[in-house]
Structure formats: structure tokens, C-alpha cells
């Protein structure tokens, strides 16, 4: 009897051991793996290389994506008759991941999204003054030193319309490139902008009898903070006065001045202003001998309108199509009166000064710096001294949307601009001593 019990125990032990060995062989043979979502990659949390300096660390970090360490880096674009300053997003060094049979190889993704493009042409246009207290000399001692590119092309003109440049900028849409523009339209339009007046912002500076060592600019927004400000005389005493969009002057000279040296707009914002602010007295861009018209081109409409106005020919297509030449800028306007912001400049402003969280949303493709912000930052890059009036301040709720509003209207916010971020930037520039911002308090 004892022998029978012992035999049963040995048989049970044998079957148990055999079962365990069978399971082990099955696991090894099938190479069962941990699901992908359960794998832990410690490299995703490691600190990446800083972007330029501590002031811009993490500048494009929110867009970085997983990339193996042997990925090919972006190659700088070769540019005609000019050089490019190439700045790319930091590359993270990541150890090779375990190979699996369950997950096929994925295509390598760039660390910088296509629509960002933080690489720009270099402008060789020399400064027009040697001001001892210029913004260019002061900025190197501020928090904006690494963001500020002194040789960024602010304006585009005839020399930029080349096949090589078109290929480089065609990948960016809207105001940030030539993605919404065919090469013929670009070439036909920019080819007539071949005078020194189209190249230099202050094309009449050398001919001014009362010019000083420094170019002093007043940049005038349309904010309600200017209502009853009595800043008009102070504004007009600057060397140049910048205005934008629905700039109503007649009847408001005491608050906003009467001169306009530069009027910044896009065809779309011009038409919208004429429709929206006609009741307040806005009938079109200011017209005077000193006034220059600066396009912020975000569509082919801007190139088409500029050429038609310069050559006194009808607009041949698009929403502004007409039988007669456009008269927005007067009947005797010449091409020397027109300037056009370079798409590299607009993209640079978005990437380095106004890199909004909107770029993380579905509105990223329509986002750009506001027309007023572009105007003010263009002045920052061309003037020696800048005073800003009529821009949003932290107490904006105290004022109407515009200085010419007949009744109180709150400031309106839109998805294509980040006005609060712009407001913060003005405060930072003012604190750094790079602009003098008008504030009631």
C-alpha cells in the first residue's frame, strides 16, 4: 500500500515539472513581449540641449518628437546672393529602442515642424545711422539678445524673387512664406520693386535737412487708451510716425497727431477697415507726400494690388478685380511709395517673439502676429529709438477698443492673434528700455 502511494506522488511531481518546462519552452519559442504602451523610455524625460541660450531654452521643445540617434539632420538651404542664418531645434540623443516583431519600423520624423522654419535669409543693408544710443546697441544687454537678429531682412524687394528663394519659401503659407503664391505672380510683382526706396525703410532720411544722429519713431496703434490723451503734438515731433489699419486721424489730431510716414496693412485688413470703420471716419489709407505704404502680404492679393497700384493698371483677378486702376493710395502714387515686409521677418517674429500656444491648436495655420505688432516690431528693427502709443496695456479693460469709438466697446480677441501675449511683450520691451510705451498709469 505504501509503495502505491509513493508511486502516485512521484507521478504527480513528474507531471508538474513537465508542465512547467512546457510553458517555459512555449514562451521562449514565441518571444512574447511587453505591450508597446507599457515600455518605459527614460530618455524622453532627459534634459535637451538649450536653444541658443538660457533665454530661449525650450523655445521649440513643445514640438520635438521622438527620433533615433542616427537620424539625418536638416541640411541648410543654399540661397542665392545671400546667406542664411540657420537655427534648428535641438536634437535629443536617444538610445536605440528594443527591436520587436510586432511593431514595424516608423518613418523618421523631424524635430522641427514644417510650418515653423526658424531659418532665415541675411540682409546686408547697412544701418542708416550711427546712433550711439540705438536699439541695436542696447539689445545685446537685455533678455532679448539671443532672440534678436540684427541682419534679418525686414523688407523684400526685386532681388529676392529668384527660383531658389521661391523653392525655400514656398513651403510656408500665409504671411510666413510664399505658399499661397505662384512664382509668376511673385516675380511680376517684386520685379518692379527695384528702387532704393523699396529696399530702405527710411528712403528719404539722407535728404532731410533736420535729421539728427538717431532716427526717432512714434508707432501709433488704434487703442482706446489714446482717447483724450493729448499726445498728438508729442507724436508728430518724432522723425517718423507709423500707423496701421483703421487709423482715423481727422477730428482726433490732438490725441493721435496728424502725420503718417508709414502705413502698415494687408489688402484684407485694409478692406475690412474700410467696411468696419467708415462710420468713424475711416475712408482709406492716409495720403501725404511723406506717407509710404507697407504691405504685410499674407495672400497673392497683396502682390497683385501692389503691382496694379504702382503701374496704374486694373487689378486683373481676385476679390479686388476692377476695370480701373486702384485709387486707395492716390492717383499719382509711384512704386517708390511702396514697401513690403519679407516673409522671413514675419515668421521670425512669430517664432522668436510671439511663439503663442495657439500654435498647439487647430488654429496654428491662421495664427500670425497682429498687423499692429508687426508694425511695432518692424520699427524696433529699423529705428534707433521707438515710442509706442495706443497699444494694449494690462489695464485695457478701462478703455474702449479704439480711440475713435463713439461708445464704449470692449477689446475683442480673435484666434488668429494672441493679443495678451503681445501685451506682455510690450511690457517686457518697455522694462528692458528698448521701447517707451505710453501707459496712463
Protein backbone atom coordinates (compact mmCIF):
# COMPACT_ATOMS: atom_id res chain seq x y z
CA UNK A 1 0.00 0.00 0.00
CA UNK A 2 2.82 2.39 0.92
CA UNK A 3 4.51 1.61 -2.37
CA UNK A 4 1.37 2.57 -4.34
CA UNK A 5 1.11 5.96 -2.55
CA UNK A 6 4.78 6.73 -3.27
CA UNK A 7 4.32 5.92 -6.96
CA UNK A 8 1.35 8.33 -7.19
CA UNK A 9 3.37 11.16 -5.58
CA UNK A 10 6.27 10.63 -7.97
CA UNK A 11 3.88 10.63 -10.96
CA UNK A 12 2.28 13.92 -9.78
CA UNK A 13 5.71 15.54 -9.33
CA UNK A 14 6.80 14.39 -12.79
CA UNK A 15 3.68 15.83 -14.44
CA UNK A 16 4.12 19.16 -12.62
CA UNK A 17 7.75 19.56 -13.68
CA UNK A 18 6.91 18.56 -17.25
CA UNK A 19 4.12 21.18 -17.40
CA UNK A 20 6.36 23.99 -16.16
CA UNK A 21 9.07 23.10 -18.67
CA UNK A 22 6.50 23.04 -21.49
CA UNK A 23 5.25 26.55 -20.64
CA UNK A 24 8.83 27.87 -20.47
CA UNK A 25 9.67 26.40 -23.89
CA UNK A 26 6.50 27.93 -25.35
CA UNK A 27 7.34 31.41 -24.03
CA UNK A 28 10.91 31.31 -25.33
CA UNK A 29 9.80 29.98 -28.70
CA UNK A 30 7.04 32.61 -29.19
CA UNK A 31 9.18 35.52 -27.85
CA UNK A 32 6.22 37.04 -26.04
CA UNK A 33 6.85 40.86 -25.49
CA UNK A 34 5.56 43.57 -23.22
CA UNK A 35 2.94 45.74 -24.98
CA UNK A 36 4.40 48.98 -26.52
CA UNK A 37 2.40 51.28 -24.26
CA UNK A 38 3.87 49.59 -21.17
CA UNK A 39 7.50 50.12 -22.19
CA UNK A 40 9.33 52.87 -20.29
CA UNK A 41 11.76 55.18 -22.12
CA UNK A 42 13.73 57.20 -19.60
CA UNK A 43 15.32 59.28 -22.37
CA UNK A 44 12.03 61.05 -23.05
CA UNK A 45 12.48 62.92 -19.78
CA UNK A 46 16.12 63.86 -20.05
CA UNK A 47 17.18 67.48 -20.48
CA UNK A 48 17.79 68.51 -24.08
CA UNK A 49 20.35 70.90 -25.48
CA UNK A 50 19.36 74.54 -24.94
CA UNK A 51 18.07 76.54 -27.88
CA UNK A 52 20.56 79.34 -28.35
CA UNK A 53 20.88 80.34 -24.68
CA UNK A 54 19.15 80.22 -21.35
CA UNK A 55 16.83 82.98 -22.60
CA UNK A 56 15.45 80.80 -25.35
CA UNK A 57 15.81 77.34 -23.77
CA UNK A 58 12.93 75.12 -24.72
CA UNK A 59 11.89 77.54 -27.47
CA UNK A 60 10.64 74.83 -29.81
CA UNK A 61 10.67 71.98 -27.27
CA UNK A 62 6.91 71.55 -27.35
CA UNK A 63 7.21 70.43 -30.97
CA UNK A 64 10.03 67.91 -30.55
CA UNK A 65 9.14 64.34 -31.43
CA UNK A 66 10.86 61.01 -30.87
CA UNK A 67 13.81 60.48 -33.19
CA UNK A 68 16.53 57.79 -33.20
CA UNK A 69 20.06 58.98 -32.53
CA UNK A 70 21.25 58.16 -36.04
CA UNK A 71 18.64 60.33 -37.76
CA UNK A 72 19.83 62.63 -40.52
CA UNK A 73 19.95 66.31 -39.52
CA UNK A 74 18.27 69.02 -41.56
CA UNK A 75 20.51 70.48 -44.25
CA UNK A 76 20.64 74.30 -44.55
CA UNK A 77 19.12 75.69 -47.73
CA UNK A 78 21.55 77.21 -50.22
CA UNK A 79 20.41 80.74 -51.03
CA UNK A 80 21.24 83.00 -54.00
CA UNK A 81 23.45 86.04 -53.46
CA UNK A 82 22.80 85.97 -49.75
CA UNK A 83 23.48 83.74 -46.80
CA UNK A 84 21.09 82.10 -44.41
CA UNK A 85 21.34 82.05 -40.66
CA UNK A 86 20.32 78.52 -39.88
CA UNK A 87 18.82 77.79 -36.49
CA UNK A 88 17.33 74.39 -35.85
CA UNK A 89 15.51 72.76 -32.99
CA UNK A 90 17.70 70.84 -30.53
CA UNK A 91 18.34 67.17 -31.29
CA UNK A 92 17.77 64.70 -28.45
CA UNK A 93 20.21 61.81 -28.14
CA UNK A 94 18.09 58.71 -27.60
CA UNK A 95 19.41 55.19 -27.21
CA UNK A 96 18.17 52.63 -29.73
CA UNK A 97 14.93 51.01 -28.65
CA UNK A 98 14.47 47.22 -28.49
CA UNK A 99 13.56 45.73 -31.82
CA UNK A 100 10.22 43.99 -31.96
CA UNK A 101 8.43 41.85 -34.46
CA UNK A 102 5.04 43.26 -33.56
CA UNK A 103 5.79 46.93 -34.47
CA UNK A 104 7.03 47.83 -37.98
CA UNK A 105 9.71 50.48 -38.50
CA UNK A 106 8.27 54.00 -38.38
CA UNK A 107 9.43 56.81 -40.71
CA UNK A 108 11.83 59.27 -39.10
CA UNK A 109 10.07 62.48 -38.04
CA UNK A 110 11.78 65.91 -37.98
CA UNK A 111 12.27 67.62 -34.64
CA UNK A 112 11.05 70.89 -36.18
CA UNK A 113 7.57 71.01 -37.74
CA UNK A 114 7.40 72.11 -41.36
CA UNK A 115 5.42 75.24 -40.56
CA UNK A 116 7.94 76.62 -38.02
CA UNK A 117 11.03 77.24 -40.19
CA UNK A 118 13.45 79.01 -37.83
CA UNK A 119 16.00 79.69 -40.57
CA UNK A 120 16.19 82.98 -42.41
CA UNK A 121 17.96 84.95 -45.10
CA UNK A 122 20.54 87.54 -44.07
CA UNK A 123 20.15 91.16 -45.14
CA UNK A 124 23.30 93.09 -45.98
CA UNK A 125 21.58 96.50 -45.92
CA UNK A 126 23.74 98.73 -43.69
CA UNK A 127 22.24 100.79 -40.83
CA UNK A 128 21.22 104.28 -41.92
CA UNK A 129 22.68 105.98 -38.84
CA UNK A 130 25.44 105.54 -36.30
CA UNK A 131 23.27 106.41 -33.32
CA UNK A 132 25.22 105.97 -30.05
CA UNK A 133 22.05 105.00 -28.18
CA UNK A 134 20.37 102.81 -30.79
CA UNK A 135 18.17 99.81 -30.05
CA UNK A 136 20.66 97.58 -31.88
CA UNK A 137 23.38 98.54 -29.41
CA UNK A 138 21.18 98.27 -26.34
CA UNK A 139 19.52 94.95 -27.13
CA UNK A 140 22.71 92.95 -26.58
CA UNK A 141 22.49 93.77 -22.87
CA UNK A 142 18.88 92.61 -22.48
CA UNK A 143 16.91 89.37 -22.26
CA UNK A 144 16.22 89.70 -26.00
CA UNK A 145 19.87 89.40 -27.02
CA UNK A 146 19.62 85.83 -28.31
CA UNK A 147 16.25 86.31 -29.99
CA UNK A 148 17.18 89.48 -31.85
CA UNK A 149 18.73 89.05 -35.31
CA UNK A 150 20.25 92.32 -36.46
CA UNK A 151 20.56 91.16 -40.06
CA UNK A 152 17.07 89.72 -40.57
CA UNK A 153 15.57 91.07 -43.84
CA UNK A 154 12.70 93.33 -42.80
CA UNK A 155 11.67 94.18 -46.36
CA UNK A 156 11.54 92.16 -49.58
CA UNK A 157 12.20 93.62 -52.99
CA UNK A 158 13.27 92.68 -56.53
CA UNK A 159 16.45 90.75 -55.68
CA UNK A 160 14.51 88.26 -53.56
CA UNK A 161 12.36 86.95 -56.43
CA UNK A 162 14.54 84.04 -57.54
CA UNK A 163 13.63 80.40 -58.22
CA UNK A 164 15.89 79.29 -55.36
CA UNK A 165 14.23 81.60 -52.84
CA UNK A 166 10.79 80.66 -54.12
CA UNK A 167 11.58 76.98 -53.54
CA UNK A 168 12.74 77.74 -50.00
CA UNK A 169 9.78 79.92 -49.01
CA UNK A 170 7.02 78.13 -50.91
CA UNK A 171 6.74 75.58 -48.08
CA UNK A 172 5.43 78.27 -45.68
CA UNK A 173 1.90 79.57 -46.08
CA UNK A 174 0.23 82.90 -45.37
CA UNK A 175 2.36 85.83 -44.28
CA UNK A 176 5.20 83.46 -43.31
CA UNK A 177 6.16 82.44 -46.84
CA UNK A 178 5.09 82.20 -50.47
CA UNK A 179 2.94 79.09 -50.14
CA UNK A 180 -0.19 80.88 -51.40
CA UNK A 181 1.61 82.43 -54.34
CA UNK A 182 2.64 81.18 -57.78
CA UNK A 183 6.10 82.11 -59.00
CA UNK A 184 4.91 84.23 -61.93
CA UNK A 185 2.79 86.47 -59.70
CA UNK A 186 5.70 86.83 -57.27
CA UNK A 187 8.22 87.64 -59.99
CA UNK A 188 5.92 90.04 -61.85
CA UNK A 189 5.21 91.95 -58.64
CA UNK A 190 8.60 92.08 -56.93
CA UNK A 191 10.45 92.82 -60.17
CA UNK A 192 9.08 96.36 -60.21
CA UNK A 193 10.24 96.96 -56.63
CA UNK A 194 13.78 97.62 -57.79
CA UNK A 195 14.49 101.12 -56.45
CA UNK A 196 16.46 102.11 -53.32
CA UNK A 197 13.17 103.35 -51.87
CA UNK A 198 11.85 99.78 -51.87
CA UNK A 199 14.96 98.49 -50.12
CA UNK A 200 15.35 101.04 -47.32
CA UNK A 201 12.67 101.77 -44.75
CA UNK A 202 13.76 105.40 -44.38
CA UNK A 203 14.40 106.15 -48.03
CA UNK A 204 14.27 109.94 -47.57
CA UNK A 205 16.49 110.14 -44.48
CA UNK A 206 19.59 111.39 -46.29
CA UNK A 207 17.57 114.19 -47.88
CA UNK A 208 16.11 115.53 -44.65
CA UNK A 209 17.63 118.83 -43.65
CA UNK A 210 16.70 118.46 -39.97
CA UNK A 211 17.90 114.91 -39.48
CA UNK A 212 19.62 114.05 -36.21
CA UNK A 213 22.11 111.36 -35.21
CA UNK A 214 19.28 108.99 -34.29
CA UNK A 215 16.06 108.05 -36.07
CA UNK A 216 13.21 108.59 -33.61
CA UNK A 217 9.95 106.81 -34.38
CA UNK A 218 6.43 107.07 -32.98
CA UNK A 219 4.43 103.89 -33.53
CA UNK A 220 0.72 104.57 -33.14
CA UNK A 221 -1.82 101.84 -32.54
CA UNK A 222 -5.56 102.42 -32.52
CA UNK A 223 -6.24 101.53 -28.88
CA UNK A 224 -8.77 103.37 -26.75
CA UNK A 225 -6.04 104.37 -24.29
CA UNK A 226 -5.32 107.30 -26.64
CA UNK A 227 -8.78 108.81 -26.19
CA UNK A 228 -8.31 112.22 -24.50
CA UNK A 229 -4.58 111.51 -24.16
CA UNK A 230 -3.49 114.79 -25.82
CA UNK A 231 -0.40 113.05 -27.19
CA UNK A 232 -0.82 114.33 -30.73
CA UNK A 233 1.87 117.02 -30.67
CA UNK A 234 4.35 114.66 -28.99
CA UNK A 235 3.69 112.02 -31.65
CA UNK A 236 4.17 114.43 -34.54
CA UNK A 237 7.52 115.65 -33.17
CA UNK A 238 9.18 112.30 -33.95
CA UNK A 239 11.18 111.85 -37.16
CA UNK A 240 8.74 109.21 -38.44
CA UNK A 241 5.20 108.19 -37.50
CA UNK A 242 3.89 104.65 -38.07
CA UNK A 243 0.16 103.86 -38.29
CA UNK A 244 -1.94 100.85 -39.26
CA UNK A 245 -5.36 99.67 -40.47
CA UNK A 246 -8.30 101.84 -39.36
CA UNK A 247 -6.19 104.87 -38.46
CA UNK A 248 -8.77 107.66 -38.17
CA UNK A 249 -6.94 111.00 -37.95
CA UNK A 250 -9.33 113.83 -38.83
CA UNK A 251 -11.01 115.05 -35.68
CA UNK A 252 -8.55 113.23 -33.39
CA UNK A 253 -5.34 115.16 -34.12
CA UNK A 254 -4.99 116.39 -30.54
CA UNK A 255 -4.81 112.80 -29.28
CA UNK A 256 -3.05 110.93 -32.10
CA UNK A 257 -1.28 113.56 -34.22
CA UNK A 258 -1.70 114.33 -37.90
CA UNK A 259 1.36 112.89 -39.66
CA UNK A 260 1.72 109.44 -41.23
CA UNK A 261 5.13 108.35 -42.51
CA UNK A 262 4.37 104.62 -42.79
CA UNK A 263 1.02 102.92 -43.10
CA UNK A 264 1.12 99.14 -42.47
CA UNK A 265 -1.69 96.91 -43.75
CA UNK A 266 -2.66 93.87 -45.76
CA UNK A 267 -5.21 94.02 -48.54
CA UNK A 268 -7.59 92.10 -46.33
CA UNK A 269 -7.17 94.34 -43.27
CA UNK A 270 -7.48 97.44 -45.47
CA UNK A 271 -10.77 96.30 -46.95
CA UNK A 272 -12.07 95.20 -43.55
CA UNK A 273 -11.13 98.56 -42.02
CA UNK A 274 -12.93 100.46 -44.75
CA UNK A 275 -16.06 98.40 -44.14
CA UNK A 276 -15.93 98.43 -40.35
CA UNK A 277 -14.77 101.96 -39.53
CA UNK A 278 -16.35 104.09 -42.22
CA UNK A 279 -18.83 105.37 -39.66
CA UNK A 280 -15.93 106.62 -37.53
CA UNK A 281 -14.43 108.50 -40.46
CA UNK A 282 -12.01 105.99 -41.98
CA UNK A 283 -12.19 106.17 -45.78
CA UNK A 284 -8.86 104.61 -46.69
CA UNK A 285 -5.11 104.93 -46.10
CA UNK A 286 -3.71 108.36 -45.21
CA UNK A 287 -2.32 110.26 -48.18
CA UNK A 288 0.52 112.75 -47.97
CA UNK A 289 3.87 113.44 -49.58
CA UNK A 290 5.77 111.69 -46.80
CA UNK A 291 3.46 108.66 -46.50
CA UNK A 292 4.84 105.27 -47.52
CA UNK A 293 2.65 102.17 -47.77
CA UNK A 294 3.98 98.96 -46.23
CA UNK A 295 2.24 95.74 -47.27
CA UNK A 296 2.05 92.83 -44.84
CA UNK A 297 1.45 90.22 -47.56
CA UNK A 298 -0.49 87.15 -46.47
CA UNK A 299 -2.05 86.28 -49.83
CA UNK A 300 -1.44 86.78 -53.55
CA UNK A 301 -3.97 89.64 -53.34
CA UNK A 302 -1.29 91.86 -51.79
CA UNK A 303 1.23 91.30 -54.57
CA UNK A 304 -1.44 91.80 -57.23
CA UNK A 305 -2.75 95.02 -55.67
CA UNK A 306 0.74 96.46 -55.17
CA UNK A 307 1.64 95.94 -58.82
CA UNK A 308 -1.65 97.34 -60.09
CA UNK A 309 -1.39 100.44 -57.90
CA UNK A 310 2.27 101.01 -58.85
CA UNK A 311 1.67 100.65 -62.59
CA UNK A 312 -1.76 102.34 -62.62
CA UNK A 313 -3.39 99.32 -64.20
CA UNK A 314 -6.60 97.50 -63.20
CA UNK A 315 -6.47 94.56 -60.80
CA UNK A 316 -6.84 91.64 -63.20
CA UNK A 317 -8.08 88.95 -60.78
CA UNK A 318 -9.16 88.17 -57.27
CA UNK A 319 -11.61 89.91 -54.91
CA UNK A 320 -10.22 93.35 -55.87
CA UNK A 321 -10.66 92.78 -59.60
CA UNK A 322 -11.58 96.07 -61.27
CA UNK A 323 -11.94 97.83 -64.59
CA UNK A 324 -9.98 100.85 -63.40
CA UNK A 325 -6.67 101.22 -61.55
CA UNK A 326 -6.98 101.15 -57.74
CA UNK A 327 -7.06 104.56 -56.06
CA UNK A 328 -6.61 103.60 -52.41
CA UNK A 329 -3.23 105.34 -52.37
CA UNK A 330 -3.99 108.29 -54.64
CA UNK A 331 -3.95 108.61 -58.40
CA UNK A 332 -0.31 109.74 -58.64
CA UNK A 333 1.30 107.13 -56.40
CA UNK A 334 4.55 105.58 -57.68
CA UNK A 335 6.33 102.32 -56.91
CA UNK A 336 8.79 104.25 -54.72
CA UNK A 337 5.93 104.75 -52.27
CA UNK A 338 5.53 101.02 -51.61
CA UNK A 339 7.37 98.63 -49.35
CA UNK A 340 6.63 95.02 -48.46
CA UNK A 341 7.57 93.01 -45.38
CA UNK A 342 9.71 89.95 -46.04
CA UNK A 343 8.03 86.62 -45.11
CA UNK A 344 11.19 85.61 -43.24
CA UNK A 345 10.68 88.63 -40.99
CA UNK A 346 7.06 87.74 -40.20
CA UNK A 347 7.98 84.11 -39.49
CA UNK A 348 10.90 85.26 -37.32
CA UNK A 349 8.58 87.48 -35.27
CA UNK A 350 6.18 84.58 -34.76
CA UNK A 351 8.90 82.08 -33.89
CA UNK A 352 11.05 84.18 -31.58
CA UNK A 353 8.94 86.99 -30.14
CA UNK A 354 5.33 85.79 -30.31
CA UNK A 355 5.55 82.00 -30.15
CA UNK A 356 1.99 81.55 -28.93
CA UNK A 357 0.30 78.47 -27.51
CA UNK A 358 -2.15 78.92 -30.42
CA UNK A 359 0.48 77.05 -32.43
CA UNK A 360 -0.52 73.96 -30.44
CA UNK A 361 -4.12 74.20 -31.62
CA UNK A 362 -6.10 73.70 -34.81
CA UNK A 363 -5.73 77.45 -35.47
CA UNK A 364 -1.98 77.26 -35.92
CA UNK A 365 -2.13 77.76 -39.70
CA UNK A 366 -4.02 81.06 -39.44
CA UNK A 367 -2.06 82.47 -36.50
CA UNK A 368 0.34 85.34 -37.08
CA UNK A 369 1.44 88.47 -35.20
CA UNK A 370 -1.21 91.17 -35.47
CA UNK A 371 -0.69 93.95 -38.00
CA UNK A 372 -0.02 96.39 -35.18
CA UNK A 373 2.53 94.05 -33.59
CA UNK A 374 4.29 93.58 -36.91
CA UNK A 375 4.45 97.35 -37.35
CA UNK A 376 5.89 97.92 -33.86
CA UNK A 377 8.47 95.13 -34.15
CA UNK A 378 9.48 96.37 -37.60
CA UNK A 379 10.15 99.76 -36.03
CA UNK A 380 12.17 98.01 -33.30
CA UNK A 381 14.39 96.52 -36.02
CA UNK A 382 14.82 99.69 -38.11
CA UNK A 383 14.50 102.77 -35.88
CA UNK A 384 17.08 103.89 -33.32
CA UNK A 385 14.50 104.94 -30.73
CA UNK A 386 10.86 103.85 -30.53
CA UNK A 387 7.90 105.32 -28.66
CA UNK A 388 4.70 103.26 -28.78
CA UNK A 389 1.23 104.74 -28.35
CA UNK A 390 -2.21 103.15 -28.44
CA UNK A 391 -1.10 99.60 -27.69
CA UNK A 392 -2.81 97.30 -25.22
CA UNK A 393 -1.71 97.59 -21.59
CA UNK A 394 -2.67 95.46 -18.54
CA UNK A 395 -5.46 97.93 -17.66
CA UNK A 396 -7.06 97.61 -21.10
CA UNK A 397 -10.49 96.99 -19.56
CA UNK A 398 -10.61 100.67 -18.62
CA UNK A 399 -10.61 101.77 -22.26
CA UNK A 400 -12.69 101.19 -25.34
CA UNK A 401 -11.38 99.04 -28.18
CA UNK A 402 -10.46 102.09 -30.33
CA UNK A 403 -9.79 105.74 -29.54
CA UNK A 404 -12.45 106.81 -32.05
CA UNK A 405 -15.27 104.59 -30.75
CA UNK A 406 -18.43 106.64 -30.25
CA UNK A 407 -19.47 104.41 -27.35
CA UNK A 408 -17.60 102.02 -25.08
CA UNK A 409 -16.65 98.72 -26.77
CA UNK A 410 -14.58 96.03 -25.03
CA UNK A 411 -11.39 94.77 -26.64
CA UNK A 412 -12.12 91.82 -28.90
CA UNK A 413 -9.87 88.78 -29.12
CA UNK A 414 -9.52 86.54 -32.18
CA UNK A 415 -7.99 83.12 -32.75
CA UNK A 416 -5.52 84.34 -35.40
CA UNK A 417 -3.70 86.69 -32.96
CA UNK A 418 -2.53 86.44 -29.36
CA UNK A 419 -3.14 89.98 -28.12
CA UNK A 420 -2.43 89.08 -24.50
CA UNK A 421 0.97 87.70 -25.40
CA UNK A 422 1.65 90.85 -27.42
CA UNK A 423 0.63 92.96 -24.42
CA UNK A 424 3.15 91.09 -22.25
CA UNK A 425 5.86 91.59 -24.87
CA UNK A 426 5.29 95.36 -24.90
CA UNK A 427 5.72 95.40 -21.12
CA UNK A 428 8.96 93.43 -21.39
CA UNK A 429 10.38 95.65 -24.13
CA UNK A 430 9.45 98.74 -22.14
CA UNK A 431 11.08 97.37 -18.98
CA UNK A 432 14.22 96.48 -20.96
CA UNK A 433 14.45 100.07 -22.20
CA UNK A 434 14.06 99.10 -25.85
CA UNK A 435 10.78 100.99 -26.36
CA UNK A 436 8.95 103.71 -24.47
CA UNK A 437 5.38 102.52 -24.06
CA UNK A 438 2.62 105.03 -23.37
CA UNK A 439 0.65 103.98 -20.28
CA UNK A 440 -1.90 106.07 -18.42
CA UNK A 441 -0.65 104.91 -15.01
